[in-house]
C-alpha cells in the first residue's frame, strides 16, 4: 500500500467525523497496524478533526487526505491531513489546543500540527 492516498471531503459538521475515522482505520488496517495502533489512528483523527470543525462555520467543507508509506525503521505509517475548502484565505484559522487535547495528541500520534488552513498528523505502527 506504499504511496497510496485517499481523499475524503466532508461538511464541517461533527456528524461526519465517523466517516473519517472509518477511512483512517481501514487504511491503517490494510497497512498492517495492530488493534492498539488502529485505536491511536481513530483517536488522533477524531481529536484533530473535532478541534478543526468546531472552529469552522457549517458551510465549510474539509478535505481529509490519507496517505500510507513506511517510516525510516520500515514500520507502516499513516499520514492524515485536512484542509478547509471554501475558506477565506485572508482569514487564517485560529485553532487552540487545550491541555487535554495536547496530552491526547501527544500520546496517540508520532507528529501532529495545526496550520492556518487545516491540520496534519502521523501515526506509525508499533
PDB file of N, CA and C in Angstrom:
ATOM      1  N   UNK A   1       0.822  -1.190   0.000  1.00  0.00           N
ATOM      2  CA  UNK A   1       0.000   0.000   0.000  1.00  0.00           C
ATOM      3  C   UNK A   1       0.865   1.253   0.000  1.00  0.00           C
ATOM      4  N   UNK A   2       2.136   1.109  -0.127  1.00  0.00           N
ATOM      5  CA  UNK A   2       3.054   2.237  -0.057  1.00  0.00           C
ATOM      6  C   UNK A   2       2.740   3.280  -1.114  1.00  0.00           C
ATOM      7  N   UNK A   3       2.668   4.532  -0.670  1.00  0.00           N
ATOM      8  CA  UNK A   3       2.490   5.636  -1.587  1.00  0.00           C
ATOM      9  C   UNK A   3       1.054   5.911  -1.993  1.00  0.00           C
ATOM     10  N   UNK A   4       0.104   5.094  -1.554  1.00  0.00           N
ATOM     11  CA  UNK A   4      -1.281   5.321  -1.923  1.00  0.00           C
ATOM     12  C   UNK A   4      -1.891   6.412  -1.061  1.00  0.00           C
ATOM     13  N   UNK A   5      -2.872   7.091  -1.631  1.00  0.00           N
ATOM     14  CA  UNK A   5      -3.589   8.072  -0.818  1.00  0.00           C
ATOM     15  C   UNK A   5      -5.064   8.107  -1.215  1.00  0.00           C
ATOM     16  N   UNK A   6      -5.867   8.523  -0.256  1.00  0.00           N
ATOM     17  CA  UNK A   6      -7.309   8.610  -0.428  1.00  0.00           C
ATOM     18  C   UNK A   6      -7.735   9.978   0.061  1.00  0.00           C
ATOM     19  N   UNK A   7      -8.672  10.599  -0.645  1.00  0.00           N
ATOM     20  CA  UNK A   7      -9.210  11.888  -0.208  1.00  0.00           C
ATOM     21  C   UNK A   7     -10.691  11.734   0.107  1.00  0.00           C
ATOM     22  N   UNK A   8     -11.100  12.374   1.177  1.00  0.00           N
ATOM     23  CA  UNK A   8     -12.486  12.362   1.620  1.00  0.00           C
ATOM     24  C   UNK A   8     -12.886  13.803   1.897  1.00  0.00           C
ATOM     25  N   UNK A   9     -13.963  14.256   1.293  1.00  0.00           N
ATOM     26  CA  UNK A   9     -14.459  15.612   1.544  1.00  0.00           C
ATOM     27  C   UNK A   9     -15.733  15.494   2.376  1.00  0.00           C
ATOM     28  N   UNK A  10     -15.716  16.163   3.542  1.00  0.00           N
ATOM     29  CA  UNK A  10     -16.873  16.113   4.435  1.00  0.00           C
ATOM     30  C   UNK A  10     -17.300  17.533   4.805  1.00  0.00           C
ATOM     31  N   UNK A  11     -18.585  17.714   5.104  1.00  0.00           N
ATOM     32  CA  UNK A  11     -19.027  19.013   5.625  1.00  0.00           C
ATOM     33  C   UNK A  11     -18.381  19.265   6.989  1.00  0.00           C
ATOM     34  N   UNK A  12     -18.228  20.514   7.351  1.00  0.00           N
ATOM     35  CA  UNK A  12     -17.659  20.883   8.651  1.00  0.00           C
ATOM     36  C   UNK A  12     -18.719  20.703   9.725  1.00  0.00           C
ATOM     37  N   UNK A  13     -19.018  19.453   9.993  1.00  0.00           N
ATOM     38  CA  UNK A  13     -20.051  19.087  10.948  1.00  0.00           C
ATOM     39  C   UNK A  13     -19.586  17.817  11.649  1.00  0.00           C
ATOM     40  N   UNK A  14     -19.641  17.801  12.973  1.00  0.00           N
ATOM     41  CA  UNK A  14     -19.135  16.651  13.728  1.00  0.00           C
ATOM     42  C   UNK A  14     -19.884  15.362  13.411  1.00  0.00           C
ATOM     43  N   UNK A  15     -21.070  15.453  12.818  1.00  0.00           N
ATOM     44  CA  UNK A  15     -21.800  14.240  12.439  1.00  0.00           C
ATOM     45  C   UNK A  15     -21.040  13.404  11.422  1.00  0.00           C
ATOM     46  N   UNK A  16     -20.090  14.000  10.694  1.00  0.00           N
ATOM     47  CA  UNK A  16     -19.374  13.286   9.637  1.00  0.00           C
ATOM     48  C   UNK A  16     -17.998  12.788  10.078  1.00  0.00           C
ATOM     49  N   UNK A  17     -17.658  12.987  11.347  1.00  0.00           N
ATOM     50  CA  UNK A  17     -16.367  12.515  11.847  1.00  0.00           C
ATOM     51  C   UNK A  17     -16.226  11.006  11.735  1.00  0.00           C
ATOM     52  N   UNK A  18     -17.314  10.293  11.906  1.00  0.00           N
ATOM     53  CA  UNK A  18     -17.234   8.826  11.845  1.00  0.00           C
ATOM     54  C   UNK A  18     -16.756   8.350  10.475  1.00  0.00           C
ATOM     55  N   UNK A  19     -17.116   9.056   9.422  1.00  0.00           N
ATOM     56  CA  UNK A  19     -16.648   8.664   8.082  1.00  0.00           C
ATOM     57  C   UNK A  19     -15.129   8.766   7.996  1.00  0.00           C
ATOM     58  N   UNK A  20     -14.570   9.825   8.539  1.00  0.00           N
ATOM     59  CA  UNK A  20     -13.113   9.997   8.526  1.00  0.00           C
ATOM     60  C   UNK A  20     -12.428   8.940   9.390  1.00  0.00           C
ATOM     61  N   UNK A  21     -13.010   8.642  10.540  1.00  0.00           N
ATOM     62  CA  UNK A  21     -12.430   7.609  11.418  1.00  0.00           C
ATOM     63  C   UNK A  21     -12.433   6.245  10.740  1.00  0.00           C
ATOM     64  N   UNK A  22     -13.523   5.913  10.056  1.00  0.00           N
ATOM     65  CA  UNK A  22     -13.625   4.613   9.387  1.00  0.00           C
ATOM     66  C   UNK A  22     -12.595   4.503   8.269  1.00  0.00           C
ATOM     67  N   UNK A  23     -12.457   5.537   7.460  1.00  0.00           N
ATOM     68  CA  UNK A  23     -11.474   5.510   6.373  1.00  0.00           C
ATOM     69  C   UNK A  23     -10.068   5.389   6.951  1.00  0.00           C
ATOM     70  N   UNK A  24      -9.761   6.172   7.973  1.00  0.00           N
ATOM     71  CA  UNK A  24      -8.433   6.124   8.585  1.00  0.00           C
ATOM     72  C   UNK A  24      -8.138   4.731   9.136  1.00  0.00           C
ATOM     73  N   UNK A  25      -9.072   4.160   9.863  1.00  0.00           N
ATOM     74  CA  UNK A  25      -8.865   2.834  10.452  1.00  0.00           C
ATOM     75  C   UNK A  25      -8.752   1.757   9.378  1.00  0.00           C
ATOM     76  N   UNK A  26      -9.551   1.858   8.346  1.00  0.00           N
ATOM     77  CA  UNK A  26      -9.494   0.875   7.261  1.00  0.00           C
ATOM     78  C   UNK A  26      -8.140   0.897   6.555  1.00  0.00           C
ATOM     79  N   UNK A  27      -7.661   2.091   6.237  1.00  0.00           N
ATOM     80  CA  UNK A  27      -6.358   2.195   5.574  1.00  0.00           C
ATOM     81  C   UNK A  27      -5.225   1.744   6.498  1.00  0.00           C
ATOM     82  N   UNK A  28      -5.331   2.066   7.778  1.00  0.00           N
ATOM     83  CA  UNK A  28      -4.314   1.636   8.729  1.00  0.00           C
ATOM     84  C   UNK A  28      -4.316   0.109   8.860  1.00  0.00           C
ATOM     85  N   UNK A  29      -5.490  -0.490   8.899  1.00  0.00           N
ATOM     86  CA  UNK A  29      -5.584  -1.952   8.980  1.00  0.00           C
ATOM     87  C   UNK A  29      -4.967  -2.594   7.740  1.00  0.00           C
ATOM     88  N   UNK A  30      -5.259  -2.043   6.573  1.00  0.00           N
ATOM     89  CA  UNK A  30      -4.665  -2.553   5.326  1.00  0.00           C
ATOM     90  C   UNK A  30      -3.148  -2.434   5.329  1.00  0.00           C
ATOM     91  N   UNK A  31      -2.633  -1.420   6.031  1.00  0.00           N
ATOM     92  CA  UNK A  31      -1.183  -1.202   6.083  1.00  0.00           C
ATOM     93  C   UNK A  31      -0.499  -2.093   7.120  1.00  0.00           C
ATOM     94  N   UNK A  32      -1.302  -2.804   7.946  1.00  0.00           N
ATOM     95  CA  UNK A  32      -0.716  -3.722   8.903  1.00  0.00           C
ATOM     96  C   UNK A  32      -0.696  -3.259  10.340  1.00  0.00           C
ATOM     97  N   UNK A  33      -1.431  -2.204  10.669  1.00  0.00           N
ATOM     98  CA  UNK A  33      -1.493  -1.716  12.042  1.00  0.00           C
ATOM     99  C   UNK A  33      -2.209  -2.750  12.910  1.00  0.00           C
ATOM    100  N   UNK A  34      -1.768  -2.922  14.166  1.00  0.00           N
ATOM    101  CA  UNK A  34      -2.472  -3.807  15.087  1.00  0.00           C
ATOM    102  C   UNK A  34      -3.622  -3.041  15.748  1.00  0.00           C
ATOM    103  N   UNK A  35      -4.384  -3.717  16.616  1.00  0.00           N
ATOM    104  CA  UNK A  35      -5.575  -3.093  17.208  1.00  0.00           C
ATOM    105  C   UNK A  35      -5.259  -1.846  18.032  1.00  0.00           C
ATOM    106  N   UNK A  36      -4.176  -1.879  18.809  1.00  0.00           N
ATOM    107  CA  UNK A  36      -3.812  -0.698  19.599  1.00  0.00           C
ATOM    108  C   UNK A  36      -3.456   0.478  18.693  1.00  0.00           C
ATOM    109  N   UNK A  37      -2.743   0.200  17.615  1.00  0.00           N
ATOM    110  CA  UNK A  37      -2.371   1.267  16.689  1.00  0.00           C
ATOM    111  C   UNK A  37      -3.584   1.794  15.930  1.00  0.00           C
ATOM    112  N   UNK A  38      -4.542   0.901  15.628  1.00  0.00           N
ATOM    113  CA  UNK A  38      -5.781   1.353  14.984  1.00  0.00           C
ATOM    114  C   UNK A  38      -6.536   2.320  15.890  1.00  0.00           C
ATOM    115  N   UNK A  39      -6.550   2.016  17.184  1.00  0.00           N
ATOM    116  CA  UNK A  39      -7.187   2.934  18.135  1.00  0.00           C
ATOM    117  C   UNK A  39      -6.486   4.279  18.144  1.00  0.00           C
ATOM    118  N   UNK A  40      -5.157   4.281  18.091  1.00  0.00           N
ATOM    119  CA  UNK A  40      -4.407   5.536  18.061  1.00  0.00           C
ATOM    120  C   UNK A  40      -4.783   6.343  16.826  1.00  0.00           C
ATOM    121  N   UNK A  41      -4.925   5.675  15.693  1.00  0.00           N
ATOM    122  CA  UNK A  41      -5.308   6.361  14.452  1.00  0.00           C
ATOM    123  C   UNK A  41      -6.695   6.980  14.595  1.00  0.00           C
ATOM    124  N   UNK A  42      -7.636   6.211  15.102  1.00  0.00           N
ATOM    125  CA  UNK A  42      -9.010   6.721  15.253  1.00  0.00           C
ATOM    126  C   UNK A  42      -9.067   7.901  16.221  1.00  0.00           C
ATOM    127  N   UNK A  43      -8.397   7.770  17.354  1.00  0.00           N
ATOM    128  CA  UNK A  43      -8.429   8.839  18.359  1.00  0.00           C
ATOM    129  C   UNK A  43      -7.758  10.102  17.836  1.00  0.00           C
ATOM    130  N   UNK A  44      -6.596   9.972  17.216  1.00  0.00           N
ATOM    131  CA  UNK A  44      -5.899  11.141  16.676  1.00  0.00           C
ATOM    132  C   UNK A  44      -6.704  11.839  15.591  1.00  0.00           C
ATOM    133  N   UNK A  45      -7.289  11.045  14.688  1.00  0.00           N
ATOM    134  CA  UNK A  45      -8.122  11.607  13.616  1.00  0.00           C
ATOM    135  C   UNK A  45      -9.317  12.347  14.209  1.00  0.00           C
ATOM    136  N   UNK A  46      -9.989  11.702  15.132  1.00  0.00           N
ATOM    137  CA  UNK A  46     -11.161  12.302  15.760  1.00  0.00           C
ATOM    138  C   UNK A  46     -10.813  13.589  16.491  1.00  0.00           C
ATOM    139  N   UNK A  47      -9.729  13.569  17.266  1.00  0.00           N
ATOM    140  CA  UNK A  47      -9.368  14.735  18.081  1.00  0.00           C
ATOM    141  C   UNK A  47      -9.070  15.960  17.210  1.00  0.00           C
ATOM    142  N   UNK A  48      -8.186  15.792  16.222  1.00  0.00           N
ATOM    143  CA  UNK A  48      -7.820  16.956  15.408  1.00  0.00           C
ATOM    144  C   UNK A  48      -8.972  17.430  14.530  1.00  0.00           C
ATOM    145  N   UNK A  49      -9.717  16.510  13.960  1.00  0.00           N
ATOM    146  CA  UNK A  49     -10.853  16.927  13.135  1.00  0.00           C
ATOM    147  C   UNK A  49     -11.918  17.637  13.971  1.00  0.00           C
ATOM    148  N   UNK A  50     -12.163  17.146  15.163  1.00  0.00           N
ATOM    149  CA  UNK A  50     -13.139  17.802  16.042  1.00  0.00           C
ATOM    150  C   UNK A  50     -12.710  19.228  16.352  1.00  0.00           C
ATOM    151  N   UNK A  51     -11.456  19.389  16.730  1.00  0.00           N
ATOM    152  CA  UNK A  51     -10.944  20.728  17.050  1.00  0.00           C
ATOM    153  C   UNK A  51     -11.071  21.655  15.841  1.00  0.00           C
ATOM    154  N   UNK A  52     -10.716  21.146  14.664  1.00  0.00           N
ATOM    155  CA  UNK A  52     -10.797  21.952  13.450  1.00  0.00           C
ATOM    156  C   UNK A  52     -12.249  22.309  13.125  1.00  0.00           C
ATOM    157  N   UNK A  53     -13.120  21.317  13.107  1.00  0.00           N
ATOM    158  CA  UNK A  53     -14.514  21.550  12.723  1.00  0.00           C
ATOM    159  C   UNK A  53     -15.215  22.508  13.681  1.00  0.00           C
ATOM    160  N   UNK A  54     -14.889  22.432  14.957  1.00  0.00           N
ATOM    161  CA  UNK A  54     -15.534  23.323  15.928  1.00  0.00           C
ATOM    162  C   UNK A  54     -15.161  24.787  15.725  1.00  0.00           C
ATOM    163  N   UNK A  55     -14.096  25.063  14.968  1.00  0.00           N
ATOM    164  CA  UNK A  55     -13.717  26.448  14.697  1.00  0.00           C
ATOM    165  C   UNK A  55     -14.336  26.975  13.400  1.00  0.00           C
ATOM    166  N   UNK A  56     -14.997  26.107  12.639  1.00  0.00           N
ATOM    167  CA  UNK A  56     -15.500  26.479  11.320  1.00  0.00           C
ATOM    168  C   UNK A  56     -16.992  26.761  11.321  1.00  0.00           C
ATOM    169  N   UNK A  57     -17.406  27.523  10.323  1.00  0.00           N
ATOM    170  CA  UNK A  57     -18.824  27.698  10.064  1.00  0.00           C
ATOM    171  C   UNK A  57     -19.325  26.448   9.338  1.00  0.00           C
ATOM    172  N   UNK A  58     -20.572  26.072   9.542  1.00  0.00           N
ATOM    173  CA  UNK A  58     -21.104  24.844   8.954  1.00  0.00           C
ATOM    174  C   UNK A  58     -21.084  24.799   7.424  1.00  0.00           C
ATOM    175  N   UNK A  59     -20.996  25.929   6.767  1.00  0.00           N
ATOM    176  CA  UNK A  59     -20.998  25.905   5.301  1.00  0.00           C
ATOM    177  C   UNK A  59     -19.651  25.491   4.711  1.00  0.00           C
ATOM    178  N   UNK A  60     -18.618  25.401   5.535  1.00  0.00           N
ATOM    179  CA  UNK A  60     -17.313  24.968   5.045  1.00  0.00           C
ATOM    180  C   UNK A  60     -17.290  23.456   4.855  1.00  0.00           C
ATOM    181  N   UNK A  61     -16.319  23.020   4.056  1.00  0.00           N
ATOM    182  CA  UNK A  61     -16.063  21.599   3.860  1.00  0.00           C
ATOM    183  C   UNK A  61     -14.597  21.352   4.187  1.00  0.00           C
ATOM    184  N   UNK A  62     -14.292  20.136   4.594  1.00  0.00           N
ATOM    185  CA  UNK A  62     -12.922  19.763   4.918  1.00  0.00           C
ATOM    186  C   UNK A  62     -12.520  18.602   4.013  1.00  0.00           C
ATOM    187  N   UNK A  63     -11.398  18.766   3.341  1.00  0.00           N
ATOM    188  CA  UNK A  63     -10.830  17.688   2.525  1.00  0.00           C
ATOM    189  C   UNK A  63      -9.789  16.981   3.384  1.00  0.00           C
ATOM    190  N   UNK A  64     -10.045  15.713   3.688  1.00  0.00           N
ATOM    191  CA  UNK A  64      -9.127  14.920   4.505  1.00  0.00           C
ATOM    192  C   UNK A  64      -8.384  13.970   3.576  1.00  0.00           C
ATOM    193  N   UNK A  65      -7.055  14.033   3.617  1.00  0.00           N
ATOM    194  CA  UNK A  65      -6.216  13.172   2.781  1.00  0.00           C
ATOM    195  C   UNK A  65      -5.495  12.171   3.664  1.00  0.00           C
ATOM    196  N   UNK A  66      -5.565  10.915   3.275  1.00  0.00           N
ATOM    197  CA  UNK A  66      -4.924   9.819   3.997  1.00  0.00           C
ATOM    198  C   UNK A  66      -3.854   9.243   3.078  1.00  0.00           C
ATOM    199  N   UNK A  67      -2.622   9.176   3.554  1.00  0.00           N
ATOM    200  CA  UNK A  67      -1.526   8.634   2.736  1.00  0.00           C
ATOM    201  C   UNK A  67      -0.728   7.648   3.573  1.00  0.00           C
ATOM    202  N   UNK A  68      -0.461   6.486   3.000  1.00  0.00           N
ATOM    203  CA  UNK A  68       0.304   5.480   3.734  1.00  0.00           C
ATOM    204  C   UNK A  68       1.674   5.296   3.097  1.00  0.00           C
ATOM    205  N   UNK A  69       2.654   5.004   3.937  1.00  0.00           N
ATOM    206  CA  UNK A  69       4.005   4.687   3.486  1.00  0.00           C
ATOM    207  C   UNK A  69       4.703   3.978   4.635  1.00  0.00           C
ATOM    208  N   UNK A  70       6.002   3.998   4.655  1.00  0.00           N
ATOM    209  CA  UNK A  70       6.772   3.386   5.741  1.00  0.00           C
ATOM    210  C   UNK A  70       7.758   4.399   6.283  1.00  0.00           C
ATOM    211  N   UNK A  71       7.979   4.365   7.608  1.00  0.00           N
ATOM    212  CA  UNK A  71       8.940   5.279   8.204  1.00  0.00           C
ATOM    213  C   UNK A  71      10.367   4.756   8.006  1.00  0.00           C
ATOM    214  N   UNK A  72      11.347   5.470   8.526  1.00  0.00           N
ATOM    215  CA  UNK A  72      12.754   5.093   8.338  1.00  0.00           C
ATOM    216  C   UNK A  72      13.074   3.717   8.900  1.00  0.00           C
ATOM    217  N   UNK A  73      12.333   3.300   9.922  1.00  0.00           N
ATOM    218  CA  UNK A  73      12.559   1.988  10.530  1.00  0.00           C
ATOM    219  C   UNK A  73      11.819   0.878   9.786  1.00  0.00           C
ATOM    220  N   UNK A  74      11.063   1.237   8.753  1.00  0.00           N
ATOM    221  CA  UNK A  74      10.334   0.254   7.960  1.00  0.00           C
ATOM    222  C   UNK A  74       8.935  -0.043   8.446  1.00  0.00           C
ATOM    223  N   UNK A  75       8.484   0.605   9.528  1.00  0.00           N
ATOM    224  CA  UNK A  75       7.130   0.382  10.047  1.00  0.00           C
ATOM    225  C   UNK A  75       6.110   1.111   9.179  1.00  0.00           C
ATOM    226  N   UNK A  76       4.933   0.517   9.072  1.00  0.00           N
ATOM    227  CA  UNK A  76       3.847   1.163   8.335  1.00  0.00           C
ATOM    228  C   UNK A  76       3.505   2.488   8.999  1.00  0.00           C
ATOM    229  N   UNK A  77       3.199   3.473   8.176  1.00  0.00           N
ATOM    230  CA  UNK A  77       2.895   4.807   8.696  1.00  0.00           C
ATOM    231  C   UNK A  77       1.699   5.355   7.919  1.00  0.00           C
ATOM    232  N   UNK A  78       0.814   6.048   8.631  1.00  0.00           N
ATOM    233  CA  UNK A  78      -0.333   6.705   8.020  1.00  0.00           C
ATOM    234  C   UNK A  78      -0.242   8.190   8.312  1.00  0.00           C
ATOM    235  N   UNK A  79      -0.261   8.978   7.256  1.00  0.00           N
ATOM    236  CA  UNK A  79      -0.262  10.440   7.391  1.00  0.00           C
ATOM    237  C   UNK A  79      -1.654  10.929   7.009  1.00  0.00           C
ATOM    238  N   UNK A  80      -2.202  11.764   7.868  1.00  0.00           N
ATOM    239  CA  UNK A  80      -3.546  12.292   7.641  1.00  0.00           C
ATOM    240  C   UNK A  80      -3.466  13.807   7.686  1.00  0.00           C
ATOM    241  N   UNK A  81      -4.018  14.443   6.668  1.00  0.00           N
ATOM    242  CA  UNK A  81      -4.041  15.901   6.669  1.00  0.00           C
ATOM    243  C   UNK A  81      -5.436  16.371   6.280  1.00  0.00           C
ATOM    244  N   UNK A  82      -5.788  17.530   6.761  1.00  0.00           N
ATOM    245  CA  UNK A  82      -7.085  18.109   6.449  1.00  0.00           C
ATOM    246  C   UNK A  82      -6.924  19.553   6.044  1.00  0.00           C
ATOM    247  N   UNK A  83      -7.593  19.918   4.991  1.00  0.00           N
ATOM    248  CA  UNK A  83      -7.577  21.302   4.516  1.00  0.00           C
ATOM    249  C   UNK A  83      -8.999  21.806   4.404  1.00  0.00           C
ATOM    250  N   UNK A  84      -9.205  23.025   4.860  1.00  0.00           N
ATOM    251  CA  UNK A  84     -10.525  23.630   4.798  1.00  0.00           C
ATOM    252  C   UNK A  84     -10.769  24.131   3.377  1.00  0.00           C
ATOM    253  N   UNK A  85     -11.881  23.707   2.813  1.00  0.00           N
ATOM    254  CA  UNK A  85     -12.279  24.182   1.493  1.00  0.00           C
ATOM    255  C   UNK A  85     -13.251  25.337   1.676  1.00  0.00           C
ATOM    256  N   UNK A  86     -13.379  26.149   0.673  1.00  0.00           N
ATOM    257  CA  UNK A  86     -14.328  27.270   0.706  1.00  0.00           C
ATOM    258  C   UNK A  86     -14.004  28.283   1.795  1.00  0.00           C
ATOM    259  N   UNK A  87     -12.771  28.317   2.250  1.00  0.00           N
ATOM    260  CA  UNK A  87     -12.400  29.246   3.324  1.00  0.00           C
ATOM    261  C   UNK A  87     -11.871  30.545   2.740  1.00  0.00           C
ATOM    262  N   UNK A  88     -12.020  31.599   3.502  1.00  0.00           N
ATOM    263  CA  UNK A  88     -11.473  32.888   3.126  1.00  0.00           C
ATOM    264  C   UNK A  88      -9.978  32.862   3.434  1.00  0.00           C
ATOM    265  N   UNK A  89      -9.144  32.855   2.389  1.00  0.00           N
ATOM    266  CA  UNK A  89      -7.696  32.764   2.574  1.00  0.00           C
ATOM    267  C   UNK A  89      -7.131  33.937   3.373  1.00  0.00           C
ATOM    268  N   UNK A  90      -7.836  35.036   3.398  1.00  0.00           N
ATOM    269  CA  UNK A  90      -7.333  36.214   4.104  1.00  0.00           C
ATOM    270  C   UNK A  90      -7.501  36.081   5.619  1.00  0.00           C
ATOM    271  N   UNK A  91      -8.338  35.132   6.034  1.00  0.00           N
ATOM    272  CA  UNK A  91      -8.577  34.944   7.464  1.00  0.00           C
ATOM    273  C   UNK A  91      -8.103  33.555   7.883  1.00  0.00           C
ATOM    274  N   UNK A  92      -6.882  33.453   8.399  1.00  0.00           N
ATOM    275  CA  UNK A  92      -6.395  32.138   8.824  1.00  0.00           C
ATOM    276  C   UNK A  92      -7.183  31.616  10.020  1.00  0.00           C
ATOM    277  N   UNK A  93      -7.194  30.302  10.137  1.00  0.00           N
ATOM    278  CA  UNK A  93      -7.878  29.684  11.268  1.00  0.00           C
ATOM    279  C   UNK A  93      -7.174  30.008  12.574  1.00  0.00           C
ATOM    280  N   UNK A  94      -7.946  30.153  13.600  1.00  0.00           N
ATOM    281  CA  UNK A  94      -7.391  30.307  14.937  1.00  0.00           C
ATOM    282  C   UNK A  94      -7.825  29.084  15.726  1.00  0.00           C
ATOM    283  N   UNK A  95      -6.927  28.112  15.797  1.00  0.00           N
ATOM    284  CA  UNK A  95      -7.228  26.859  16.471  1.00  0.00           C
ATOM    285  C   UNK A  95      -6.296  26.730  17.662  1.00  0.00           C
ATOM    286  N   UNK A  96      -6.886  26.578  18.826  1.00  0.00           N
ATOM    287  CA  UNK A  96      -6.085  26.431  20.034  1.00  0.00           C
ATOM    288  C   UNK A  96      -6.345  25.062  20.648  1.00  0.00           C
ATOM    289  N   UNK A  97      -5.262  24.381  21.007  1.00  0.00           N
ATOM    290  CA  UNK A  97      -5.381  23.093  21.666  1.00  0.00           C
ATOM    291  C   UNK A  97      -5.385  23.305  23.175  1.00  0.00           C
ATOM    292  N   UNK A  98      -6.382  22.755  23.843  1.00  0.00           N
ATOM    293  CA  UNK A  98      -6.356  22.831  25.300  1.00  0.00           C
ATOM    294  C   UNK A  98      -5.421  21.747  25.833  1.00  0.00           C
ATOM    295  N   UNK A  99      -5.213  21.734  27.132  1.00  0.00           N
ATOM    296  CA  UNK A  99      -4.265  20.798  27.752  1.00  0.00           C
ATOM    297  C   UNK A  99      -4.645  19.349  27.487  1.00  0.00           C
ATOM    298  N   UNK A 100      -5.926  19.026  27.565  1.00  0.00           N
ATOM    299  CA  UNK A 100      -6.368  17.647  27.327  1.00  0.00           C
ATOM    300  C   UNK A 100      -6.099  17.233  25.886  1.00  0.00           C
ATOM    301  N   UNK A 101      -6.441  18.089  24.928  1.00  0.00           N
ATOM    302  CA  UNK A 101      -6.188  17.778  23.522  1.00  0.00           C
ATOM    303  C   UNK A 101      -4.700  17.587  23.271  1.00  0.00           C
ATOM    304  N   UNK A 102      -3.888  18.455  23.854  1.00  0.00           N
ATOM    305  CA  UNK A 102      -2.441  18.339  23.720  1.00  0.00           C
ATOM    306  C   UNK A 102      -1.958  16.979  24.238  1.00  0.00           C
ATOM    307  N   UNK A 103      -2.420  16.583  25.409  1.00  0.00           N
ATOM    308  CA  UNK A 103      -1.998  15.306  26.002  1.00  0.00           C
ATOM    309  C   UNK A 103      -2.455  14.120  25.154  1.00  0.00           C
ATOM    310  N   UNK A 104      -3.687  14.169  24.669  1.00  0.00           N
ATOM    311  CA  UNK A 104      -4.204  13.080  23.836  1.00  0.00           C
ATOM    312  C   UNK A 104      -3.387  12.958  22.560  1.00  0.00           C
ATOM    313  N   UNK A 105      -3.198  14.068  21.868  1.00  0.00           N
ATOM    314  CA  UNK A 105      -2.477  14.030  20.594  1.00  0.00           C
ATOM    315  C   UNK A 105      -1.015  13.629  20.762  1.00  0.00           C
ATOM    316  N   UNK A 106      -0.403  14.070  21.843  1.00  0.00           N
ATOM    317  CA  UNK A 106       0.980  13.688  22.113  1.00  0.00           C
ATOM    318  C   UNK A 106       1.075  12.185  22.374  1.00  0.00           C
ATOM    319  N   UNK A 107       0.070  11.626  23.025  1.00  0.00           N
ATOM    320  CA  UNK A 107       0.081  10.206  23.365  1.00  0.00           C
ATOM    321  C   UNK A 107      -0.204   9.301  22.174  1.00  0.00           C
ATOM    322  N   UNK A 108      -1.047   9.732  21.235  1.00  0.00           N
ATOM    323  CA  UNK A 108      -1.501   8.816  20.185  1.00  0.00           C
ATOM    324  C   UNK A 108      -0.867   9.045  18.816  1.00  0.00           C
ATOM    325  N   UNK A 109      -0.127  10.124  18.633  1.00  0.00           N
ATOM    326  CA  UNK A 109       0.461  10.384  17.318  1.00  0.00           C
ATOM    327  C   UNK A 109       1.983  10.439  17.399  1.00  0.00           C
ATOM    328  N   UNK A 110       2.613  10.242  16.257  1.00  0.00           N
ATOM    329  CA  UNK A 110       4.056  10.458  16.150  1.00  0.00           C
ATOM    330  C   UNK A 110       4.330  11.949  16.016  1.00  0.00           C
ATOM    331  N   UNK A 111       3.409  12.617  15.309  1.00  0.00           N
ATOM    332  CA  UNK A 111       3.579  14.020  14.968  1.00  0.00           C
ATOM    333  C   UNK A 111       2.208  14.579  14.624  1.00  0.00           C
ATOM    334  N   UNK A 112       1.973  15.823  14.967  1.00  0.00           N
ATOM    335  CA  UNK A 112       0.725  16.473  14.586  1.00  0.00           C
ATOM    336  C   UNK A 112       0.957  17.970  14.514  1.00  0.00           C
ATOM    337  N   UNK A 113       0.050  18.657  13.862  1.00  0.00           N
ATOM    338  CA  UNK A 113       0.141  20.101  13.797  1.00  0.00           C
ATOM    339  C   UNK A 113      -1.136  20.696  13.263  1.00  0.00           C
ATOM    340  N   UNK A 114      -1.347  21.939  13.578  1.00  0.00           N
ATOM    341  CA  UNK A 114      -2.481  22.694  13.068  1.00  0.00           C
ATOM    342  C   UNK A 114      -1.903  23.872  12.313  1.00  0.00           C
ATOM    343  N   UNK A 115      -2.380  24.071  11.092  1.00  0.00           N
ATOM    344  CA  UNK A 115      -1.880  25.155  10.247  1.00  0.00           C
ATOM    345  C   UNK A 115      -2.926  26.251  10.138  1.00  0.00           C
ATOM    346  N   UNK A 116      -2.637  27.247   9.343  1.00  0.00           N
ATOM    347  CA  UNK A 116      -3.582  28.355   9.139  1.00  0.00           C
ATOM    348  C   UNK A 116      -4.815  27.908   8.375  1.00  0.00           C
ATOM    349  N   UNK A 117      -4.752  26.736   7.723  1.00  0.00           N
ATOM    350  CA  UNK A 117      -5.907  26.294   6.929  1.00  0.00           C
ATOM    351  C   UNK A 117      -6.283  24.841   7.156  1.00  0.00           C
ATOM    352  N   UNK A 118      -5.712  24.174   8.147  1.00  0.00           N
ATOM    353  CA  UNK A 118      -6.068  22.774   8.353  1.00  0.00           C
ATOM    354  C   UNK A 118      -5.219  22.111   9.422  1.00  0.00           C
ATOM    355  N   UNK A 119      -4.940  20.831   9.226  1.00  0.00           N
ATOM    356  CA  UNK A 119      -4.153  20.075  10.201  1.00  0.00           C
ATOM    357  C   UNK A 119      -3.408  18.952   9.513  1.00  0.00           C
ATOM    358  N   UNK A 120      -2.484  18.346  10.238  1.00  0.00           N
ATOM    359  CA  UNK A 120      -1.797  17.134   9.779  1.00  0.00           C
ATOM    360  C   UNK A 120      -1.436  16.302  10.991  1.00  0.00           C
ATOM    361  N   UNK A 121      -1.417  14.991  10.807  1.00  0.00           N
ATOM    362  CA  UNK A 121      -0.958  14.089  11.861  1.00  0.00           C
ATOM    363  C   UNK A 121      -0.347  12.860  11.229  1.00  0.00           C
ATOM    364  N   UNK A 122       0.543  12.206  11.976  1.00  0.00           N
ATOM    365  CA  UNK A 122       1.202  10.993  11.519  1.00  0.00           C
ATOM    366  C   UNK A 122       1.162   9.968  12.640  1.00  0.00           C
ATOM    367  N   UNK A 123       0.798   8.739  12.287  1.00  0.00           N
ATOM    368  CA  UNK A 123       0.819   7.633  13.236  1.00  0.00           C
ATOM    369  C   UNK A 123       1.523   6.470  12.563  1.00  0.00           C
ATOM    370  N   UNK A 124       2.476   5.861  13.267  1.00  0.00           N
ATOM    371  CA  UNK A 124       3.195   4.690  12.759  1.00  0.00           C
ATOM    372  C   UNK A 124       2.782   3.469  13.554  1.00  0.00           C
ATOM    373  N   UNK A 125       2.805   2.322  12.883  1.00  0.00           N
ATOM    374  CA  UNK A 125       2.545   1.069  13.574  1.00  0.00           C
ATOM    375  C   UNK A 125       3.714   0.789  14.516  1.00  0.00           C
ATOM    376  N   UNK A 126       3.407   0.223  15.687  1.00  0.00           N
ATOM    377  CA  UNK A 126       4.496  -0.062  16.623  1.00  0.00           C
ATOM    378  C   UNK A 126       5.169  -1.377  16.299  1.00  0.00           C
TER     379      UNK A 126
END
